[in-house]
Amino acid sequence: MGSTTSCCAAASPKLRSRNAHSRLESYHRESELSREEPGCNLQHISDRENVDELNMEHNPSDHPRASTMFLSKSQHDVRDKRKSLFVNNHGSLRRKYSSCSTIFLDENTISQPNLKNTIKCVALAIYYHIKNRELEGGALQEIFDEKHHPLSKSEVPLDYDRRPPDQKQIYRFVRTLFTSARLTAECAIVTLIYLERLLTYAEIHIGPGNWKRIVLGAILLASKVWDDQAVWNVDYCQILKEITVEDMNELERQFLELLQFNINVPSSVYAKYYFDLRSLSESNDLSFPLEPLSRDKAHKLEAISRLSDDRFKDARRAAKKRSASTDNLCGIRWVPAILS
């Protein structure tokens, strides 16, 4: 036994280090060869995220930090309106402000906005899109052209694509659809998001000749995605009685294809559009109606606040019961052992 040599003898430290070094060199050679292969140039996920961050300004309907298109297009007209208001009113302020005796507030919240004022703001945003559009460039989509797909049987004027609508005309068109289909104010905000997403993805411009069908397609899609009880295409045919179901189906299909079937609306993007619409309304003197805070409303707000506070406390207690870490342990004191 003692004279036999074992095949499981351990290698010396020098031999182990030499073998490890040779394996490391072979690994580096293989990795260098793999980099030279054309099919192995895979992009890291962090690099792809950086690319998305660089393109944020081109996708305002997808990223919460990108500025909305309608608000940027309204800046020039807003400055002129502010100057005219200052000259005509001699700097007088017509807004209502809260005081110690009276508190003014509106009943609009991000989850339950006012329907009438939200539709007015959305119509104003569409108006600025049409007014400050780029006259050249942009793709032409036949499905949105009123000459090829009219919404009524009356003859389309020859200058239909050169007569921009005013804000009231856009508001009446949108209000008719929302009132007849009984859509919510949140659906109006999602409609504007889909509209700007279409303009960004398809690289088209909204103008006098296609704004009605673009808005109709956005409303049709938003009502099906947002509302629990979706409005069918045949219902819109009853509202717009001279349009066919086949035309509505084709409009919906092509709208989805141009959106690349991206109908997701993050909560952060929805909140951005809501607050930008409020900013647009204030700058255009379309402020949401303010009412003095009554005693009954104050009691309701206090009750809602207490209920939310109790739910938050219950959730925190339940979270502490489910899991606990060493950071949450109290009353435990570490005493070093005394060597005897």
Protein backbone atom coordinates (compact mmCIF):
# COMPACT_ATOMS: atom_id res chain seq x y z
CA MET A 1 0.00 0.00 0.00
CA GLY A 2 2.73 2.41 0.89
CA SER A 3 4.73 1.83 -2.32
CA THR A 4 1.78 2.29 -4.69
CA THR A 5 1.19 5.71 -6.16
CA SER A 6 -2.26 7.17 -6.02
CA CYS A 7 -3.85 8.82 -9.05
CA CYS A 8 -5.78 11.22 -6.80
CA ALA A 9 -2.67 12.98 -5.53
CA ALA A 10 -3.25 16.67 -5.04
CA ALA A 11 -1.42 18.99 -7.34
CA SER A 12 1.06 21.46 -6.01
CA PRO A 13 0.10 25.10 -5.52
CA LYS A 14 2.34 26.15 -8.41
CA LEU A 15 0.68 23.65 -10.73
CA ARG A 16 -2.78 24.81 -9.69
CA SER A 17 -1.93 28.42 -10.35
CA ARG A 18 -0.40 27.53 -13.72
CA ASN A 19 -3.49 25.58 -14.74
CA ALA A 20 -5.79 28.37 -13.63
CA HIS A 21 -3.72 30.90 -15.57
CA SER A 22 -3.89 28.76 -18.70
CA ARG A 23 -7.65 28.37 -18.34
CA LEU A 24 -8.01 32.15 -17.90
CA GLU A 25 -5.99 32.83 -21.04
CA SER A 26 -8.10 30.36 -23.02
CA TYR A 27 -11.26 32.03 -21.71
CA HIS A 28 -10.01 35.44 -22.83
CA ARG A 29 -9.17 34.08 -26.28
CA GLU A 30 -12.63 32.53 -26.62
CA SER A 31 -14.32 35.71 -25.47
CA GLU A 32 -12.32 37.77 -27.94
CA LEU A 33 -13.26 35.40 -30.72
CA SER A 34 -16.90 35.57 -29.71
CA ARG A 35 -16.80 39.38 -29.87
CA GLU A 36 -15.50 39.23 -33.41
CA GLU A 37 -18.44 37.09 -34.52
CA PRO A 38 -21.17 39.22 -36.10
CA GLY A 39 -24.03 37.41 -34.40
CA CYS A 40 -22.82 37.90 -30.81
CA ASN A 41 -22.95 41.68 -30.56
CA LEU A 42 -25.83 41.74 -28.10
CA GLN A 43 -26.83 45.06 -26.56
CA HIS A 44 -26.94 45.21 -22.80
CA ILE A 45 -30.24 46.08 -21.19
CA SER A 46 -28.76 49.18 -19.55
CA ASP A 47 -27.67 50.47 -22.96
CA ARG A 48 -31.17 50.00 -24.29
CA GLU A 49 -32.59 51.94 -21.36
CA ASN A 50 -30.20 54.81 -22.02
CA VAL A 51 -31.37 54.91 -25.62
CA ASP A 52 -34.96 55.16 -24.44
CA GLU A 53 -34.04 58.03 -22.13
CA LEU A 54 -32.50 59.90 -25.03
CA ASN A 55 -35.72 59.47 -27.05
CA MET A 56 -38.03 60.58 -24.24
CA GLU A 57 -38.77 63.94 -25.83
CA HIS A 58 -40.13 62.18 -28.92
CA ASN A 59 -42.57 60.00 -26.97
CA PRO A 60 -44.57 62.20 -24.58
CA SER A 61 -47.43 59.71 -24.46
CA ASP A 62 -45.14 56.97 -23.16
CA HIS A 63 -42.78 58.69 -20.73
CA PRO A 64 -43.93 60.81 -17.77
CA ARG A 65 -40.97 63.20 -17.92
CA ALA A 66 -41.44 64.20 -21.56
CA SER A 67 -43.38 67.42 -22.11
CA THR A 68 -46.78 67.11 -23.78
CA MET A 69 -47.07 68.27 -27.36
CA PHE A 70 -50.21 70.36 -26.94
CA LEU A 71 -48.78 72.38 -24.07
CA SER A 72 -45.64 73.27 -26.00
CA LYS A 73 -47.68 74.25 -29.07
CA SER A 74 -49.86 76.57 -27.00
CA GLN A 75 -47.03 78.56 -25.41
CA HIS A 76 -46.81 81.21 -28.13
CA ASP A 77 -50.54 81.97 -28.13
CA VAL A 78 -50.64 81.94 -24.34
CA ARG A 79 -48.03 84.70 -24.12
CA ASP A 80 -50.06 86.87 -26.50
CA LYS A 81 -53.25 86.25 -24.52
CA ARG A 82 -51.56 87.20 -21.27
CA LYS A 83 -50.32 90.45 -22.79
CA SER A 84 -53.79 91.34 -24.11
CA LEU A 85 -55.43 90.50 -20.79
CA PHE A 86 -52.95 92.68 -18.94
CA VAL A 87 -53.54 95.60 -21.31
CA ASN A 88 -57.34 95.31 -21.30
CA ASN A 89 -57.74 94.70 -17.57
CA HIS A 90 -54.86 96.95 -16.46
CA GLY A 91 -53.34 94.13 -14.50
CA SER A 92 -56.44 93.41 -12.46
CA LEU A 93 -56.85 89.89 -11.14
CA ARG A 94 -60.17 88.16 -11.63
CA ARG A 95 -59.34 84.90 -9.95
CA LYS A 96 -60.82 83.87 -6.64
CA TYR A 97 -58.48 83.33 -3.77
CA SER A 98 -59.07 81.61 -0.46
CA SER A 99 -59.06 83.63 2.73
CA CYS A 100 -59.53 82.99 6.43
CA SER A 101 -63.29 83.29 6.14
CA THR A 102 -63.90 81.53 2.81
CA ILE A 103 -62.12 78.64 1.13
CA PHE A 104 -62.67 78.12 -2.60
CA LEU A 105 -62.08 74.74 -4.18
CA ASP A 106 -63.24 72.66 -7.09
CA GLU A 107 -64.51 69.12 -7.02
CA ASN A 108 -62.07 67.96 -9.69
CA THR A 109 -59.65 65.23 -8.78
CA ILE A 110 -57.24 63.23 -10.87
CA SER A 111 -59.48 60.18 -10.56
CA GLN A 112 -62.79 62.03 -11.05
CA PRO A 113 -62.31 65.14 -13.21
CA ASN A 114 -65.16 67.34 -14.31
CA LEU A 115 -66.57 66.09 -17.62
CA LYS A 116 -67.57 69.39 -19.22
CA ASN A 117 -64.37 71.25 -18.39
CA THR A 118 -62.18 68.29 -19.33
CA ILE A 119 -63.80 68.09 -22.76
CA LYS A 120 -63.25 71.84 -23.19
CA CYS A 121 -59.58 71.45 -22.33
CA VAL A 122 -59.14 68.48 -24.68
CA ALA A 123 -60.87 70.41 -27.49
CA LEU A 124 -58.54 73.35 -26.84
CA ALA A 125 -55.51 71.04 -26.98
CA ILE A 126 -56.68 69.63 -30.33
CA TYR A 127 -57.24 73.19 -31.56
CA TYR A 128 -53.63 74.12 -30.81
CA HIS A 129 -52.45 70.95 -32.55
CA ILE A 130 -54.29 72.01 -35.72
CA LYS A 131 -53.43 75.69 -35.52
CA ASN A 132 -49.70 75.31 -34.86
CA ARG A 133 -49.14 72.27 -37.05
CA GLU A 134 -46.28 71.96 -39.50
CA LEU A 135 -47.56 72.74 -42.97
CA GLU A 136 -45.00 70.57 -44.72
CA GLY A 137 -43.98 66.99 -44.09
CA GLY A 138 -45.85 64.26 -42.33
CA ALA A 139 -47.32 61.08 -43.72
CA LEU A 140 -50.74 61.03 -45.37
CA GLN A 141 -53.15 58.34 -44.19
CA GLU A 142 -56.17 57.81 -46.39
CA ILE A 143 -58.22 56.29 -43.57
CA PHE A 144 -58.33 59.68 -41.82
CA ASP A 145 -59.06 61.78 -44.92
CA GLU A 146 -62.65 63.05 -44.93
CA LYS A 147 -62.69 63.25 -48.71
CA HIS A 148 -62.16 59.50 -49.06
CA HIS A 149 -64.09 58.60 -45.90
CA PRO A 150 -66.70 61.30 -45.26
CA LEU A 151 -68.65 61.35 -42.00
CA SER A 152 -71.80 62.63 -43.69
CA LYS A 153 -73.51 62.26 -47.03
CA SER A 154 -73.25 65.96 -47.78
CA GLU A 155 -70.70 66.95 -50.40
CA VAL A 156 -67.26 67.70 -49.05
CA PRO A 157 -66.15 71.27 -49.92
CA LEU A 158 -63.17 71.72 -52.21
CA ASP A 159 -61.27 73.65 -49.55
CA TYR A 160 -62.09 71.18 -46.77
CA ASP A 161 -58.41 70.71 -45.97
CA ARG A 162 -57.69 74.45 -45.85
CA ARG A 163 -60.36 75.62 -43.40
CA PRO A 164 -59.12 75.07 -39.87
CA PRO A 165 -61.87 74.60 -37.28
CA ASP A 166 -62.26 76.84 -34.28
CA GLN A 167 -62.34 75.66 -30.68
CA LYS A 168 -66.14 75.67 -30.45
CA GLN A 169 -66.52 73.42 -33.48
CA ILE A 170 -64.09 70.88 -32.04
CA TYR A 171 -65.83 71.05 -28.66
CA ARG A 172 -69.28 70.42 -30.18
CA PHE A 173 -68.00 67.39 -32.08
CA VAL A 174 -66.30 65.84 -29.05
CA ARG A 175 -69.16 66.71 -26.69
CA THR A 176 -71.71 65.07 -29.01
CA LEU A 177 -69.79 61.81 -28.99
CA PHE A 178 -69.19 61.82 -25.23
CA THR A 179 -72.74 62.79 -24.34
CA SER A 180 -74.41 60.30 -26.67
CA ALA A 181 -72.10 57.41 -25.75
CA ARG A 182 -72.09 58.40 -22.04
CA LEU A 183 -68.31 58.40 -21.78
CA THR A 184 -66.37 59.57 -18.75
CA ALA A 185 -63.96 62.45 -18.33
CA GLU A 186 -61.06 60.05 -17.82
CA CYS A 187 -61.77 58.68 -21.29
CA ALA A 188 -61.27 62.19 -22.71
CA ILE A 189 -57.77 62.37 -21.22
CA VAL A 190 -56.91 58.93 -22.62
CA THR A 191 -58.24 60.10 -25.99
CA LEU A 192 -55.72 62.94 -26.04
CA ILE A 193 -52.93 60.52 -25.08
CA TYR A 194 -53.80 58.19 -27.95
CA LEU A 195 -54.01 61.15 -30.33
CA GLU A 196 -50.52 62.38 -29.50
CA ARG A 197 -49.20 58.81 -29.58
CA LEU A 198 -50.59 58.44 -33.08
CA LEU A 199 -48.96 61.67 -34.24
CA THR A 200 -45.63 60.52 -32.80
CA TYR A 201 -45.65 56.90 -33.94
CA ALA A 202 -47.11 57.42 -37.43
CA GLU A 203 -45.34 60.78 -37.96
CA ILE A 204 -48.45 62.47 -39.29
CA HIS A 205 -49.94 65.92 -38.71
CA ILE A 206 -53.49 66.63 -37.67
CA GLY A 207 -55.15 69.23 -39.87
CA PRO A 208 -58.50 70.53 -41.11
CA GLY A 209 -59.03 67.57 -43.44
CA ASN A 210 -58.39 64.70 -41.03
CA TRP A 211 -58.98 65.94 -37.47
CA LYS A 212 -62.51 64.55 -37.15
CA ARG A 213 -61.60 60.99 -38.07
CA ILE A 214 -58.42 61.05 -35.97
CA VAL A 215 -60.40 62.21 -32.94
CA LEU A 216 -63.13 59.66 -33.68
CA GLY A 217 -60.59 56.84 -33.83
CA ALA A 218 -58.96 57.97 -30.58
CA ILE A 219 -62.34 58.16 -28.81
CA LEU A 220 -63.36 54.77 -30.19
CA LEU A 221 -60.20 53.14 -28.90
CA ALA A 222 -60.14 54.97 -25.54
CA SER A 223 -63.74 54.03 -24.78
CA LYS A 224 -63.00 50.34 -25.35
CA VAL A 225 -59.78 50.33 -23.33
CA TRP A 226 -60.80 52.56 -20.43
CA ASP A 227 -64.49 51.97 -19.76
CA ASP A 228 -65.68 48.69 -18.29
CA GLN A 229 -68.79 48.66 -20.47
CA ALA A 230 -67.35 49.42 -23.89
CA VAL A 231 -69.36 51.16 -26.59
CA TRP A 232 -69.71 49.05 -29.70
CA ASN A 233 -68.91 50.33 -33.17
CA VAL A 234 -72.55 50.02 -34.16
CA ASP A 235 -73.43 52.45 -31.37
CA TYR A 236 -71.20 55.10 -32.94
CA CYS A 237 -72.97 54.45 -36.22
CA GLN A 238 -76.21 55.41 -34.49
CA ILE A 239 -74.64 58.65 -33.30
CA LEU A 240 -73.05 59.43 -36.67
CA LYS A 241 -75.92 57.97 -38.69
CA GLU A 242 -74.28 58.30 -42.09
CA ILE A 243 -71.20 56.19 -41.32
CA THR A 244 -71.06 52.42 -41.80
CA VAL A 245 -69.92 49.72 -39.41
CA GLU A 246 -67.34 48.49 -41.93
CA ASP A 247 -65.77 51.95 -41.99
CA MET A 248 -65.64 52.06 -38.19
CA ASN A 249 -64.02 48.63 -38.05
CA GLU A 250 -61.40 49.62 -40.60
CA LEU A 251 -60.72 52.87 -38.75
CA GLU A 252 -60.19 51.00 -35.50
CA ARG A 253 -57.93 48.39 -37.11
CA GLN A 254 -55.65 50.89 -38.83
CA PHE A 255 -55.53 53.11 -35.76
CA LEU A 256 -54.30 50.16 -33.72
CA GLU A 257 -51.71 49.26 -36.34
CA LEU A 258 -50.36 52.81 -36.43
CA LEU A 259 -50.13 52.74 -32.63
CA GLN A 260 -48.16 49.49 -32.97
CA PHE A 261 -50.85 48.01 -30.69
CA ASN A 262 -49.46 50.02 -27.76
CA ILE A 263 -52.61 50.90 -25.84
CA ASN A 264 -51.03 50.90 -22.38
CA VAL A 265 -51.38 54.16 -20.45
CA PRO A 266 -49.23 54.33 -17.30
CA SER A 267 -50.67 56.15 -14.32
CA SER A 268 -47.77 58.62 -14.36
CA VAL A 269 -48.48 59.56 -18.00
CA TYR A 270 -52.18 59.97 -17.23
CA ALA A 271 -51.37 62.25 -14.29
CA LYS A 272 -49.03 64.34 -16.45
CA TYR A 273 -51.73 64.93 -19.07
CA TYR A 274 -54.30 65.75 -16.40
CA PHE A 275 -52.17 68.44 -14.78
CA ASP A 276 -51.01 69.82 -18.14
CA LEU A 277 -54.65 70.17 -19.17
CA ARG A 278 -55.30 72.11 -15.97
CA SER A 279 -52.34 74.36 -16.76
CA LEU A 280 -53.71 74.88 -20.26
CA SER A 281 -57.13 75.80 -18.88
CA GLU A 282 -55.72 78.33 -16.43
CA SER A 283 -53.55 80.00 -19.07
CA ASN A 284 -56.54 80.29 -21.45
CA ASP A 285 -59.01 81.55 -18.83
CA LEU A 286 -60.86 78.21 -18.76
CA SER A 287 -60.33 77.60 -15.08
CA PHE A 288 -62.34 74.88 -13.43
CA PRO A 289 -65.30 76.32 -11.50
CA LEU A 290 -64.56 77.20 -7.89
CA GLU A 291 -67.16 76.96 -5.15
CA PRO A 292 -66.91 78.03 -1.52
CA LEU A 293 -66.31 75.21 0.91
CA SER A 294 -69.49 74.53 2.87
CA ARG A 295 -69.77 72.88 6.25
CA ASP A 296 -71.20 69.67 4.80
CA LYS A 297 -68.37 69.37 2.28
CA ALA A 298 -65.83 70.01 5.01
CA HIS A 299 -67.29 67.19 7.12
CA LYS A 300 -67.20 64.85 4.11
CA LEU A 301 -63.58 65.72 3.39
CA GLU A 302 -62.68 65.15 7.03
CA ALA A 303 -64.43 61.76 7.03
CA ILE A 304 -62.67 60.72 3.83
CA SER A 305 -59.33 61.82 5.28
CA ARG A 306 -59.88 59.80 8.47
CA LEU A 307 -60.94 56.75 6.49
CA SER A 308 -57.84 56.93 4.32
CA ASP A 309 -55.66 57.41 7.38
CA ASP A 310 -57.16 54.36 9.09
CA ARG A 311 -56.66 52.23 6.00
CA PHE A 312 -53.05 53.33 5.77
CA LYS A 313 -52.43 52.46 9.42
CA ASP A 314 -54.05 49.04 8.99
CA ALA A 315 -51.90 48.37 5.96
CA ARG A 316 -48.77 49.28 7.88
CA ARG A 317 -49.71 46.99 10.78
CA ALA A 318 -50.38 44.12 8.40
CA ALA A 319 -47.05 44.67 6.67
CA LYS A 320 -45.19 44.58 9.99
CA LYS A 321 -46.93 41.34 11.00
CA ARG A 322 -46.13 39.62 7.73
CA SER A 323 -42.40 40.36 7.70
CA ALA A 324 -39.83 41.81 10.02
CA SER A 325 -36.14 42.44 9.65
CA THR A 326 -33.34 43.09 12.12
CA ASP A 327 -33.74 46.82 11.48
CA ASN A 328 -37.21 46.76 13.08
CA LEU A 329 -36.19 44.84 16.21
CA CYS A 330 -36.21 46.96 19.37
CA GLY A 331 -35.18 46.26 22.93
CA ILE A 332 -32.40 43.82 22.09
CA ARG A 333 -29.06 44.81 23.44
CA TRP A 334 -25.85 43.07 22.49
CA VAL A 335 -23.54 42.31 25.41
CA PRO A 336 -20.04 40.99 24.62
CA ALA A 337 -19.09 37.75 26.28
CA ILE A 338 -16.59 38.03 29.12
CA LEU A 339 -13.73 35.66 28.79
CA SER A 340 -13.12 33.83 32.02
